[in-house]
Amino acid sequence: MNVISAVILCVLAVVGACAVIKEISLRLFRIKADCSVMLITPVDSAEDAELVLRSAAARLKWGRSRADCAVCLDCDIDEKTRKICETVCREYGFLRLMTKKELKEELHL
């Protein structure tokens, strides 16, 4: 029984150490300036707005995207959808809610 407990403890310790190293390396090598690569997520309905934004945030957080930040693009959304987007954007610091005009200005078009 002690052998099984020791093996489980070792496996969990290795997994925990890998997670800590990944977090430290992601924080060290993250670009501090404005976004050099953006993940643009168009939102037009309340049904999938939260799911789409949280999915984009997870991709950025876990390093599955080359982007530095995500933009929630306002595609003529209603007030309910805007509140959902603003709430999720406040929760994650690297998500921003922008209109099409603001995105054009950001991209210098």
PDB file of N, CA and C in Angstrom:
ATOM      1  N   MET A   1       0.817  -1.192   0.000  1.00  0.00           N
ATOM      2  CA  MET A   1       0.000   0.000   0.000  1.00  0.00           C
ATOM      3  C   MET A   1       0.864   1.260   0.000  1.00  0.00           C
ATOM      4  N   ASN A   2       1.980   1.210   0.734  1.00  0.00           N
ATOM      5  CA  ASN A   2       2.870   2.358   0.779  1.00  0.00           C
ATOM      6  C   ASN A   2       3.499   2.642  -0.582  1.00  0.00           C
ATOM      7  N   VAL A   3       3.760   1.591  -1.347  1.00  0.00           N
ATOM      8  CA  VAL A   3       4.366   1.763  -2.667  1.00  0.00           C
ATOM      9  C   VAL A   3       3.397   2.484  -3.597  1.00  0.00           C
ATOM     10  N   ILE A   4       2.138   2.095  -3.563  1.00  0.00           N
ATOM     11  CA  ILE A   4       1.129   2.729  -4.411  1.00  0.00           C
ATOM     12  C   ILE A   4       0.969   4.202  -4.030  1.00  0.00           C
ATOM     13  N   SER A   5       0.950   4.481  -2.753  1.00  0.00           N
ATOM     14  CA  SER A   5       0.841   5.872  -2.298  1.00  0.00           C
ATOM     15  C   SER A   5       2.047   6.684  -2.731  1.00  0.00           C
ATOM     16  N   ALA A   6       3.225   6.108  -2.655  1.00  0.00           N
ATOM     17  CA  ALA A   6       4.444   6.809  -3.065  1.00  0.00           C
ATOM     18  C   ALA A   6       4.441   7.093  -4.564  1.00  0.00           C
ATOM     19  N   VAL A   7       3.972   6.138  -5.365  1.00  0.00           N
ATOM     20  CA  VAL A   7       3.905   6.331  -6.818  1.00  0.00           C
ATOM     21  C   VAL A   7       2.912   7.443  -7.158  1.00  0.00           C
ATOM     22  N   ILE A   8       1.748   7.428  -6.543  1.00  0.00           N
ATOM     23  CA  ILE A   8       0.739   8.467  -6.782  1.00  0.00           C
ATOM     24  C   ILE A   8       1.281   9.828  -6.360  1.00  0.00           C
ATOM     25  N   LEU A   9       1.949   9.890  -5.232  1.00  0.00           N
ATOM     26  CA  LEU A   9       2.538  11.144  -4.757  1.00  0.00           C
ATOM     27  C   LEU A   9       3.584  11.663  -5.745  1.00  0.00           C
ATOM     28  N   CYS A  10       4.429  10.782  -6.260  1.00  0.00           N
ATOM     29  CA  CYS A  10       5.460  11.188  -7.227  1.00  0.00           C
ATOM     30  C   CYS A  10       4.832  11.702  -8.516  1.00  0.00           C
ATOM     31  N   VAL A  11       3.819  11.031  -9.013  1.00  0.00           N
ATOM     32  CA  VAL A  11       3.144  11.455 -10.242  1.00  0.00           C
ATOM     33  C   VAL A  11       2.514  12.827 -10.053  1.00  0.00           C
ATOM     34  N   LEU A  12       1.814  13.018  -8.952  1.00  0.00           N
ATOM     35  CA  LEU A  12       1.194  14.316  -8.682  1.00  0.00           C
ATOM     36  C   LEU A  12       2.235  15.413  -8.489  1.00  0.00           C
ATOM     37  N   ALA A  13       3.367  15.087  -7.875  1.00  0.00           N
ATOM     38  CA  ALA A  13       4.432  16.077  -7.698  1.00  0.00           C
ATOM     39  C   ALA A  13       5.015  16.496  -9.043  1.00  0.00           C
ATOM     40  N   VAL A  14       5.204  15.552  -9.941  1.00  0.00           N
ATOM     41  CA  VAL A  14       5.731  15.870 -11.277  1.00  0.00           C
ATOM     42  C   VAL A  14       4.732  16.728 -12.051  1.00  0.00           C
ATOM     43  N   VAL A  15       3.460  16.372 -11.998  1.00  0.00           N
ATOM     44  CA  VAL A  15       2.433  17.153 -12.690  1.00  0.00           C
ATOM     45  C   VAL A  15       2.374  18.570 -12.125  1.00  0.00           C
ATOM     46  N   GLY A  16       2.428  18.708 -10.824  1.00  0.00           N
ATOM     47  CA  GLY A  16       2.413  20.026 -10.193  1.00  0.00           C
ATOM     48  C   GLY A  16       3.634  20.849 -10.557  1.00  0.00           C
ATOM     49  N   ALA A  17       4.804  20.220 -10.574  1.00  0.00           N
ATOM     50  CA  ALA A  17       6.029  20.929 -10.941  1.00  0.00           C
ATOM     51  C   ALA A  17       5.964  21.399 -12.391  1.00  0.00           C
ATOM     52  N   CYS A  18       5.426  20.573 -13.276  1.00  0.00           N
ATOM     53  CA  CYS A  18       5.274  20.967 -14.684  1.00  0.00           C
ATOM     54  C   CYS A  18       4.330  22.161 -14.815  1.00  0.00           C
ATOM     55  N   ALA A  19       3.237  22.165 -14.067  1.00  0.00           N
ATOM     56  CA  ALA A  19       2.285  23.273 -14.115  1.00  0.00           C
ATOM     57  C   ALA A  19       2.924  24.570 -13.615  1.00  0.00           C
ATOM     58  N   VAL A  20       3.705  24.488 -12.556  1.00  0.00           N
ATOM     59  CA  VAL A  20       4.372  25.673 -12.013  1.00  0.00           C
ATOM     60  C   VAL A  20       5.391  26.209 -13.016  1.00  0.00           C
ATOM     61  N   ILE A  21       6.179  25.330 -13.614  1.00  0.00           N
ATOM     62  CA  ILE A  21       7.172  25.750 -14.605  1.00  0.00           C
ATOM     63  C   ILE A  21       6.492  26.385 -15.813  1.00  0.00           C
ATOM     64  N   LYS A  22       5.376  25.832 -16.254  1.00  0.00           N
ATOM     65  CA  LYS A  22       4.655  26.396 -17.396  1.00  0.00           C
ATOM     66  C   LYS A  22       4.147  27.796 -17.071  1.00  0.00           C
ATOM     67  N   GLU A  23       3.555  27.986 -15.904  1.00  0.00           N
ATOM     68  CA  GLU A  23       3.055  29.303 -15.508  1.00  0.00           C
ATOM     69  C   GLU A  23       4.171  30.330 -15.428  1.00  0.00           C
ATOM     70  N   ILE A  24       5.288  29.937 -14.841  1.00  0.00           N
ATOM     71  CA  ILE A  24       6.418  30.861 -14.718  1.00  0.00           C
ATOM     72  C   ILE A  24       6.954  31.235 -16.096  1.00  0.00           C
ATOM     73  N   SER A  25       7.107  30.260 -16.971  1.00  0.00           N
ATOM     74  CA  SER A  25       7.638  30.557 -18.307  1.00  0.00           C
ATOM     75  C   SER A  25       6.665  31.398 -19.123  1.00  0.00           C
ATOM     76  N   LEU A  26       5.368  31.163 -18.994  1.00  0.00           N
ATOM     77  CA  LEU A  26       4.397  31.982 -19.713  1.00  0.00           C
ATOM     78  C   LEU A  26       4.438  33.430 -19.235  1.00  0.00           C
ATOM     79  N   ARG A  27       4.599  33.634 -17.957  1.00  0.00           N
ATOM     80  CA  ARG A  27       4.660  35.003 -17.424  1.00  0.00           C
ATOM     81  C   ARG A  27       5.969  35.697 -17.780  1.00  0.00           C
ATOM     82  N   LEU A  28       7.057  34.953 -17.824  1.00  0.00           N
ATOM     83  CA  LEU A  28       8.346  35.553 -18.156  1.00  0.00           C
ATOM     84  C   LEU A  28       8.444  35.982 -19.609  1.00  0.00           C
ATOM     85  N   PHE A  29       7.889  35.184 -20.504  1.00  0.00           N
ATOM     86  CA  PHE A  29       8.062  35.429 -21.926  1.00  0.00           C
ATOM     87  C   PHE A  29       6.878  36.104 -22.588  1.00  0.00           C
ATOM     88  N   ARG A  30       5.913  36.548 -21.816  1.00  0.00           N
ATOM     89  CA  ARG A  30       4.768  37.262 -22.373  1.00  0.00           C
ATOM     90  C   ARG A  30       5.202  38.665 -22.762  1.00  0.00           C
ATOM     91  N   ILE A  31       4.752  39.110 -23.925  1.00  0.00           N
ATOM     92  CA  ILE A  31       5.087  40.450 -24.405  1.00  0.00           C
ATOM     93  C   ILE A  31       4.282  41.461 -23.605  1.00  0.00           C
ATOM     94  N   LYS A  32       4.946  42.453 -23.057  1.00  0.00           N
ATOM     95  CA  LYS A  32       4.297  43.420 -22.178  1.00  0.00           C
ATOM     96  C   LYS A  32       3.649  44.578 -22.924  1.00  0.00           C
ATOM     97  N   ALA A  33       4.069  44.841 -24.147  1.00  0.00           N
ATOM     98  CA  ALA A  33       3.526  45.957 -24.916  1.00  0.00           C
ATOM     99  C   ALA A  33       2.112  45.625 -25.387  1.00  0.00           C
ATOM    100  N   ASP A  34       1.531  46.565 -26.149  1.00  0.00           N
ATOM    101  CA  ASP A  34       0.220  46.292 -26.729  1.00  0.00           C
ATOM    102  C   ASP A  34       0.307  45.051 -27.598  1.00  0.00           C
ATOM    103  N   CYS A  35      -0.831  44.585 -28.012  1.00  0.00           N
ATOM    104  CA  CYS A  35      -0.888  43.339 -28.772  1.00  0.00           C
ATOM    105  C   CYS A  35      -0.091  43.445 -30.065  1.00  0.00           C
ATOM    106  N   SER A  36       0.767  42.481 -30.300  1.00  0.00           N
ATOM    107  CA  SER A  36       1.434  42.400 -31.589  1.00  0.00           C
ATOM    108  C   SER A  36       0.664  41.437 -32.491  1.00  0.00           C
ATOM    109  N   VAL A  37       0.000  40.463 -31.892  1.00  0.00           N
ATOM    110  CA  VAL A  37      -0.869  39.531 -32.618  1.00  0.00           C
ATOM    111  C   VAL A  37      -2.192  39.480 -31.872  1.00  0.00           C
ATOM    112  N   MET A  38      -3.288  39.688 -32.601  1.00  0.00           N
ATOM    113  CA  MET A  38      -4.613  39.700 -31.976  1.00  0.00           C
ATOM    114  C   MET A  38      -5.419  38.489 -32.406  1.00  0.00           C
ATOM    115  N   LEU A  39      -6.190  37.967 -31.492  1.00  0.00           N
ATOM    116  CA  LEU A  39      -7.187  36.958 -31.795  1.00  0.00           C
ATOM    117  C   LEU A  39      -8.518  37.693 -31.812  1.00  0.00           C
ATOM    118  N   ILE A  40      -9.113  37.847 -32.995  1.00  0.00           N
ATOM    119  CA  ILE A  40     -10.345  38.617 -33.138  1.00  0.00           C
ATOM    120  C   ILE A  40     -11.524  37.655 -33.104  1.00  0.00           C
ATOM    121  N   THR A  41     -12.434  37.898 -32.192  1.00  0.00           N
ATOM    122  CA  THR A  41     -13.594  37.047 -32.005  1.00  0.00           C
ATOM    123  C   THR A  41     -14.855  37.865 -32.243  1.00  0.00           C
ATOM    124  N   PRO A  42     -15.499  37.689 -33.407  1.00  0.00           N
ATOM    125  CA  PRO A  42     -16.739  38.441 -33.654  1.00  0.00           C
ATOM    126  C   PRO A  42     -17.891  37.881 -32.820  1.00  0.00           C
ATOM    127  N   VAL A  43     -18.672  38.786 -32.244  1.00  0.00           N
ATOM    128  CA  VAL A  43     -19.818  38.396 -31.428  1.00  0.00           C
ATOM    129  C   VAL A  43     -21.045  39.120 -31.957  1.00  0.00           C
ATOM    130  N   ASP A  44     -22.113  38.351 -32.206  1.00  0.00           N
ATOM    131  CA  ASP A  44     -23.330  38.984 -32.710  1.00  0.00           C
ATOM    132  C   ASP A  44     -24.598  38.539 -32.001  1.00  0.00           C
ATOM    133  N   SER A  45     -24.500  37.547 -31.097  1.00  0.00           N
ATOM    134  CA  SER A  45     -25.701  37.118 -30.375  1.00  0.00           C
ATOM    135  C   SER A  45     -25.350  36.747 -28.942  1.00  0.00           C
ATOM    136  N   ALA A  46     -26.339  36.856 -28.073  1.00  0.00           N
ATOM    137  CA  ALA A  46     -26.122  36.590 -26.652  1.00  0.00           C
ATOM    138  C   ALA A  46     -26.004  35.105 -26.357  1.00  0.00           C
ATOM    139  N   GLU A  47     -26.548  34.255 -27.240  1.00  0.00           N
ATOM    140  CA  GLU A  47     -26.580  32.821 -26.960  1.00  0.00           C
ATOM    141  C   GLU A  47     -25.194  32.221 -26.802  1.00  0.00           C
ATOM    142  N   ASP A  48     -24.271  32.638 -27.661  1.00  0.00           N
ATOM    143  CA  ASP A  48     -22.948  32.031 -27.622  1.00  0.00           C
ATOM    144  C   ASP A  48     -21.841  33.008 -27.251  1.00  0.00           C
ATOM    145  N   ALA A  49     -22.170  34.208 -26.842  1.00  0.00           N
ATOM    146  CA  ALA A  49     -21.158  35.230 -26.565  1.00  0.00           C
ATOM    147  C   ALA A  49     -20.223  34.808 -25.439  1.00  0.00           C
ATOM    148  N   GLU A  50     -20.779  34.384 -24.324  1.00  0.00           N
ATOM    149  CA  GLU A  50     -19.941  34.011 -23.192  1.00  0.00           C
ATOM    150  C   GLU A  50     -19.082  32.797 -23.516  1.00  0.00           C
ATOM    151  N   LEU A  51     -19.668  31.805 -24.180  1.00  0.00           N
ATOM    152  CA  LEU A  51     -18.926  30.605 -24.545  1.00  0.00           C
ATOM    153  C   LEU A  51     -17.774  30.934 -25.488  1.00  0.00           C
ATOM    154  N   VAL A  52     -18.027  31.769 -26.487  1.00  0.00           N
ATOM    155  CA  VAL A  52     -16.993  32.135 -27.458  1.00  0.00           C
ATOM    156  C   VAL A  52     -15.868  32.903 -26.772  1.00  0.00           C
ATOM    157  N   LEU A  53     -16.206  33.848 -25.914  1.00  0.00           N
ATOM    158  CA  LEU A  53     -15.179  34.648 -25.241  1.00  0.00           C
ATOM    159  C   LEU A  53     -14.362  33.830 -24.247  1.00  0.00           C
ATOM    160  N   ARG A  54     -15.021  32.973 -23.500  1.00  0.00           N
ATOM    161  CA  ARG A  54     -14.273  32.135 -22.558  1.00  0.00           C
ATOM    162  C   ARG A  54     -13.389  31.132 -23.294  1.00  0.00           C
ATOM    163  N   SER A  55     -13.839  30.674 -24.445  1.00  0.00           N
ATOM    164  CA  SER A  55     -13.024  29.787 -25.269  1.00  0.00           C
ATOM    165  C   SER A  55     -11.773  30.511 -25.772  1.00  0.00           C
ATOM    166  N   ALA A  56     -11.944  31.745 -26.239  1.00  0.00           N
ATOM    167  CA  ALA A  56     -10.798  32.542 -26.696  1.00  0.00           C
ATOM    168  C   ALA A  56      -9.840  32.815 -25.533  1.00  0.00           C
ATOM    169  N   ALA A  57     -10.382  33.101 -24.364  1.00  0.00           N
ATOM    170  CA  ALA A  57      -9.542  33.356 -23.192  1.00  0.00           C
ATOM    171  C   ALA A  57      -8.754  32.109 -22.800  1.00  0.00           C
ATOM    172  N   ALA A  58      -9.389  30.954 -22.882  1.00  0.00           N
ATOM    173  CA  ALA A  58      -8.691  29.710 -22.549  1.00  0.00           C
ATOM    174  C   ALA A  58      -7.565  29.431 -23.542  1.00  0.00           C
ATOM    175  N   ARG A  59      -7.816  29.709 -24.821  1.00  0.00           N
ATOM    176  CA  ARG A  59      -6.765  29.502 -25.825  1.00  0.00           C
ATOM    177  C   ARG A  59      -5.563  30.390 -25.545  1.00  0.00           C
ATOM    178  N   LEU A  60      -5.808  31.633 -25.166  1.00  0.00           N
ATOM    179  CA  LEU A  60      -4.706  32.540 -24.869  1.00  0.00           C
ATOM    180  C   LEU A  60      -4.012  32.165 -23.563  1.00  0.00           C
ATOM    181  N   LYS A  61      -4.799  31.835 -22.558  1.00  0.00           N
ATOM    182  CA  LYS A  61      -4.241  31.550 -21.241  1.00  0.00           C
ATOM    183  C   LYS A  61      -3.339  30.321 -21.254  1.00  0.00           C
ATOM    184  N   TRP A  62      -3.732  29.308 -21.984  1.00  0.00           N
ATOM    185  CA  TRP A  62      -2.967  28.060 -21.989  1.00  0.00           C
ATOM    186  C   TRP A  62      -1.986  27.971 -23.147  1.00  0.00           C
ATOM    187  N   GLY A  63      -1.787  29.073 -23.869  1.00  0.00           N
ATOM    188  CA  GLY A  63      -0.751  29.109 -24.888  1.00  0.00           C
ATOM    189  C   GLY A  63      -1.066  28.358 -26.160  1.00  0.00           C
ATOM    190  N   ARG A  64      -2.337  28.121 -26.455  1.00  0.00           N
ATOM    191  CA  ARG A  64      -2.687  27.399 -27.673  1.00  0.00           C
ATOM    192  C   ARG A  64      -2.899  28.335 -28.847  1.00  0.00           C
ATOM    193  N   SER A  65      -2.603  29.592 -28.669  1.00  0.00           N
ATOM    194  CA  SER A  65      -2.737  30.579 -29.734  1.00  0.00           C
ATOM    195  C   SER A  65      -1.479  31.438 -29.758  1.00  0.00           C
ATOM    196  N   ARG A  66      -1.096  31.920 -30.940  1.00  0.00           N
ATOM    197  CA  ARG A  66       0.074  32.785 -31.062  1.00  0.00           C
ATOM    198  C   ARG A  66      -0.244  34.216 -30.649  1.00  0.00           C
ATOM    199  N   ALA A  67      -1.501  34.509 -30.421  1.00  0.00           N
ATOM    200  CA  ALA A  67      -1.928  35.880 -30.125  1.00  0.00           C
ATOM    201  C   ALA A  67      -1.529  36.287 -28.714  1.00  0.00           C
ATOM    202  N   ASP A  68      -1.388  37.602 -28.523  1.00  0.00           N
ATOM    203  CA  ASP A  68      -1.068  38.172 -27.214  1.00  0.00           C
ATOM    204  C   ASP A  68      -2.315  38.617 -26.478  1.00  0.00           C
ATOM    205  N   CYS A  69      -3.355  38.999 -27.225  1.00  0.00           N
ATOM    206  CA  CYS A  69      -4.599  39.434 -26.613  1.00  0.00           C
ATOM    207  C   CYS A  69      -5.754  39.080 -27.557  1.00  0.00           C
ATOM    208  N   ALA A  70      -6.955  39.165 -27.034  1.00  0.00           N
ATOM    209  CA  ALA A  70      -8.139  38.855 -27.837  1.00  0.00           C
ATOM    210  C   ALA A  70      -9.046  40.074 -27.888  1.00  0.00           C
ATOM    211  N   VAL A  71      -9.685  40.248 -29.026  1.00  0.00           N
ATOM    212  CA  VAL A  71     -10.612  41.354 -29.220  1.00  0.00           C
ATOM    213  C   VAL A  71     -11.998  40.768 -29.439  1.00  0.00           C
ATOM    214  N   CYS A  72     -12.929  41.210 -28.632  1.00  0.00           N
ATOM    215  CA  CYS A  72     -14.329  40.865 -28.817  1.00  0.00           C
ATOM    216  C   CYS A  72     -14.898  41.925 -29.753  1.00  0.00           C
ATOM    217  N   LEU A  73     -15.136  41.553 -30.991  1.00  0.00           N
ATOM    218  CA  LEU A  73     -15.576  42.509 -32.001  1.00  0.00           C
ATOM    219  C   LEU A  73     -17.087  42.656 -31.970  1.00  0.00           C
ATOM    220  N   ASP A  74     -17.536  43.880 -31.723  1.00  0.00           N
ATOM    221  CA  ASP A  74     -18.958  44.216 -31.648  1.00  0.00           C
ATOM    222  C   ASP A  74     -19.542  44.230 -33.057  1.00  0.00           C
ATOM    223  N   CYS A  75     -20.327  43.219 -33.381  1.00  0.00           N
ATOM    224  CA  CYS A  75     -21.000  43.145 -34.686  1.00  0.00           C
ATOM    225  C   CYS A  75     -22.479  43.461 -34.494  1.00  0.00           C
ATOM    226  N   ASP A  76     -22.774  44.704 -34.134  1.00  0.00           N
ATOM    227  CA  ASP A  76     -24.141  45.177 -33.902  1.00  0.00           C
ATOM    228  C   ASP A  76     -24.862  44.331 -32.865  1.00  0.00           C
ATOM    229  N   ILE A  77     -24.295  44.307 -31.652  1.00  0.00           N
ATOM    230  CA  ILE A  77     -24.890  43.499 -30.588  1.00  0.00           C
ATOM    231  C   ILE A  77     -25.887  44.327 -29.787  1.00  0.00           C
ATOM    232  N   ASP A  78     -26.822  43.626 -29.148  1.00  0.00           N
ATOM    233  CA  ASP A  78     -27.823  44.305 -28.326  1.00  0.00           C
ATOM    234  C   ASP A  78     -27.258  44.560 -26.922  1.00  0.00           C
ATOM    235  N   GLU A  79     -28.053  45.196 -26.070  1.00  0.00           N
ATOM    236  CA  GLU A  79     -27.589  45.600 -24.743  1.00  0.00           C
ATOM    237  C   GLU A  79     -27.276  44.397 -23.846  1.00  0.00           C
ATOM    238  N   LYS A  80     -28.082  43.347 -23.937  1.00  0.00           N
ATOM    239  CA  LYS A  80     -27.862  42.148 -23.122  1.00  0.00           C
ATOM    240  C   LYS A  80     -26.529  41.499 -23.482  1.00  0.00           C
ATOM    241  N   THR A  81     -26.250  41.385 -24.766  1.00  0.00           N
ATOM    242  CA  THR A  81     -24.998  40.792 -25.219  1.00  0.00           C
ATOM    243  C   THR A  81     -23.815  41.670 -24.841  1.00  0.00           C
ATOM    244  N   ARG A  82     -23.995  42.979 -24.924  1.00  0.00           N
ATOM    245  CA  ARG A  82     -22.915  43.911 -24.549  1.00  0.00           C
ATOM    246  C   ARG A  82     -22.557  43.738 -23.076  1.00  0.00           C
ATOM    247  N   LYS A  83     -23.549  43.574 -22.204  1.00  0.00           N
ATOM    248  CA  LYS A  83     -23.278  43.390 -20.775  1.00  0.00           C
ATOM    249  C   LYS A  83     -22.520  42.094 -20.523  1.00  0.00           C
ATOM    250  N   ILE A  84     -22.897  41.043 -21.246  1.00  0.00           N
ATOM    251  CA  ILE A  84     -22.187  39.766 -21.118  1.00  0.00           C
ATOM    252  C   ILE A  84     -20.729  39.939 -21.537  1.00  0.00           C
ATOM    253  N   CYS A  85     -20.522  40.594 -22.679  1.00  0.00           N
ATOM    254  CA  CYS A  85     -19.159  40.801 -23.191  1.00  0.00           C
ATOM    255  C   CYS A  85     -18.334  41.658 -22.239  1.00  0.00           C
ATOM    256  N   GLU A  86     -18.920  42.716 -21.717  1.00  0.00           N
ATOM    257  CA  GLU A  86     -18.199  43.592 -20.789  1.00  0.00           C
ATOM    258  C   GLU A  86     -17.820  42.844 -19.507  1.00  0.00           C
ATOM    259  N   THR A  87     -18.708  41.998 -19.024  1.00  0.00           N
ATOM    260  CA  THR A  87     -18.432  41.229 -17.815  1.00  0.00           C
ATOM    261  C   THR A  87     -17.266  40.274 -18.033  1.00  0.00           C
ATOM    262  N   VAL A  88     -17.292  39.555 -19.149  1.00  0.00           N
ATOM    263  CA  VAL A  88     -16.216  38.598 -19.436  1.00  0.00           C
ATOM    264  C   VAL A  88     -14.901  39.338 -19.696  1.00  0.00           C
ATOM    265  N   CYS A  89     -14.948  40.467 -20.377  1.00  0.00           N
ATOM    266  CA  CYS A  89     -13.733  41.243 -20.651  1.00  0.00           C
ATOM    267  C   CYS A  89     -13.123  41.801 -19.372  1.00  0.00           C
ATOM    268  N   ARG A  90     -13.961  42.184 -18.400  1.00  0.00           N
ATOM    269  CA  ARG A  90     -13.449  42.652 -17.112  1.00  0.00           C
ATOM    270  C   ARG A  90     -12.776  41.514 -16.346  1.00  0.00           C
ATOM    271  N   GLU A  91     -13.339  40.322 -16.495  1.00  0.00           N
ATOM    272  CA  GLU A  91     -12.818  39.168 -15.777  1.00  0.00           C
ATOM    273  C   GLU A  91     -11.427  38.780 -16.262  1.00  0.00           C
ATOM    274  N   TYR A  92     -11.208  38.880 -17.572  1.00  0.00           N
ATOM    275  CA  TYR A  92      -9.906  38.560 -18.158  1.00  0.00           C
ATOM    276  C   TYR A  92      -9.270  39.864 -18.636  1.00  0.00           C
ATOM    277  N   GLY A  93      -8.080  40.157 -18.170  1.00  0.00           N
ATOM    278  CA  GLY A  93      -7.430  41.416 -18.493  1.00  0.00           C
ATOM    279  C   GLY A  93      -6.984  41.550 -19.938  1.00  0.00           C
ATOM    280  N   PHE A  94      -6.834  40.444 -20.651  1.00  0.00           N
ATOM    281  CA  PHE A  94      -6.329  40.492 -22.012  1.00  0.00           C
ATOM    282  C   PHE A  94      -7.433  40.468 -23.061  1.00  0.00           C
ATOM    283  N   LEU A  95      -8.689  40.512 -22.657  1.00  0.00           N
ATOM    284  CA  LEU A  95      -9.816  40.599 -23.583  1.00  0.00           C
ATOM    285  C   LEU A  95     -10.286  42.044 -23.656  1.00  0.00           C
ATOM    286  N   ARG A  96     -10.578  42.509 -24.866  1.00  0.00           N
ATOM    287  CA  ARG A  96     -11.067  43.875 -25.032  1.00  0.00           C
ATOM    288  C   ARG A  96     -12.288  43.863 -25.931  1.00  0.00           C
ATOM    289  N   LEU A  97     -13.279  44.661 -25.590  1.00  0.00           N
ATOM    290  CA  LEU A  97     -14.480  44.833 -26.396  1.00  0.00           C
ATOM    291  C   LEU A  97     -14.274  46.042 -27.295  1.00  0.00           C
ATOM    292  N   MET A  98     -14.390  45.842 -28.622  1.00  0.00           N
ATOM    293  CA  MET A  98     -14.170  46.928 -29.573  1.00  0.00           C
ATOM    294  C   MET A  98     -15.259  46.919 -30.639  1.00  0.00           C
ATOM    295  N   THR A  99     -15.543  48.103 -31.135  1.00  0.00           N
ATOM    296  CA  THR A  99     -16.426  48.204 -32.294  1.00  0.00           C
ATOM    297  C   THR A  99     -15.574  48.063 -33.551  1.00  0.00           C
ATOM    298  N   LYS A 100     -16.243  47.964 -34.687  1.00  0.00           N
ATOM    299  CA  LYS A 100     -15.506  47.844 -35.946  1.00  0.00           C
ATOM    300  C   LYS A 100     -14.655  49.084 -36.211  1.00  0.00           C
ATOM    301  N   LYS A 101     -15.195  50.256 -35.856  1.00  0.00           N
ATOM    302  CA  LYS A 101     -14.466  51.507 -36.057  1.00  0.00           C
ATOM    303  C   LYS A 101     -13.212  51.557 -35.186  1.00  0.00           C
ATOM    304  N   GLU A 102     -13.345  51.156 -33.915  1.00  0.00           N
ATOM    305  CA  GLU A 102     -12.192  51.135 -33.018  1.00  0.00           C
ATOM    306  C   GLU A 102     -11.115  50.148 -33.483  1.00  0.00           C
ATOM    307  N   LEU A 103     -11.553  49.022 -34.031  1.00  0.00           N
ATOM    308  CA  LEU A 103     -10.595  48.038 -34.542  1.00  0.00           C
ATOM    309  C   LEU A 103      -9.836  48.588 -35.741  1.00  0.00           C
ATOM    310  N   LYS A 104     -10.535  49.299 -36.620  1.00  0.00           N
ATOM    311  CA  LYS A 104      -9.855  49.913 -37.766  1.00  0.00           C
ATOM    312  C   LYS A 104      -8.814  50.919 -37.306  1.00  0.00           C
ATOM    313  N   GLU A 105      -9.148  51.707 -36.293  1.00  0.00           N
ATOM    314  CA  GLU A 105      -8.192  52.682 -35.760  1.00  0.00           C
ATOM    315  C   GLU A 105      -7.001  51.981 -35.106  1.00  0.00           C
ATOM    316  N   GLU A 106      -7.257  50.885 -34.411  1.00  0.00           N
ATOM    317  CA  GLU A 106      -6.193  50.134 -33.754  1.00  0.00           C
ATOM    318  C   GLU A 106      -5.233  49.518 -34.784  1.00  0.00           C
ATOM    319  N   LEU A 107      -5.784  49.068 -35.890  1.00  0.00           N
ATOM    320  CA  LEU A 107      -4.972  48.453 -36.938  1.00  0.00           C
ATOM    321  C   LEU A 107      -4.408  49.474 -37.918  1.00  0.00           C
ATOM    322  N   HIS A 108      -4.748  50.757 -37.710  1.00  0.00           N
ATOM    323  CA  HIS A 108      -4.260  51.853 -38.568  1.00  0.00           C
ATOM    324  C   HIS A 108      -4.697  51.680 -40.014  1.00  0.00           C
ATOM    325  N   LEU A 109      -5.956  51.355 -40.216  1.00  0.00           N
ATOM    326  CA  LEU A 109      -6.490  51.195 -41.573  1.00  0.00           C
ATOM    327  C   LEU A 109      -7.273  52.420 -41.998  1.00  0.00           C
TER     328      LEU A 109
END
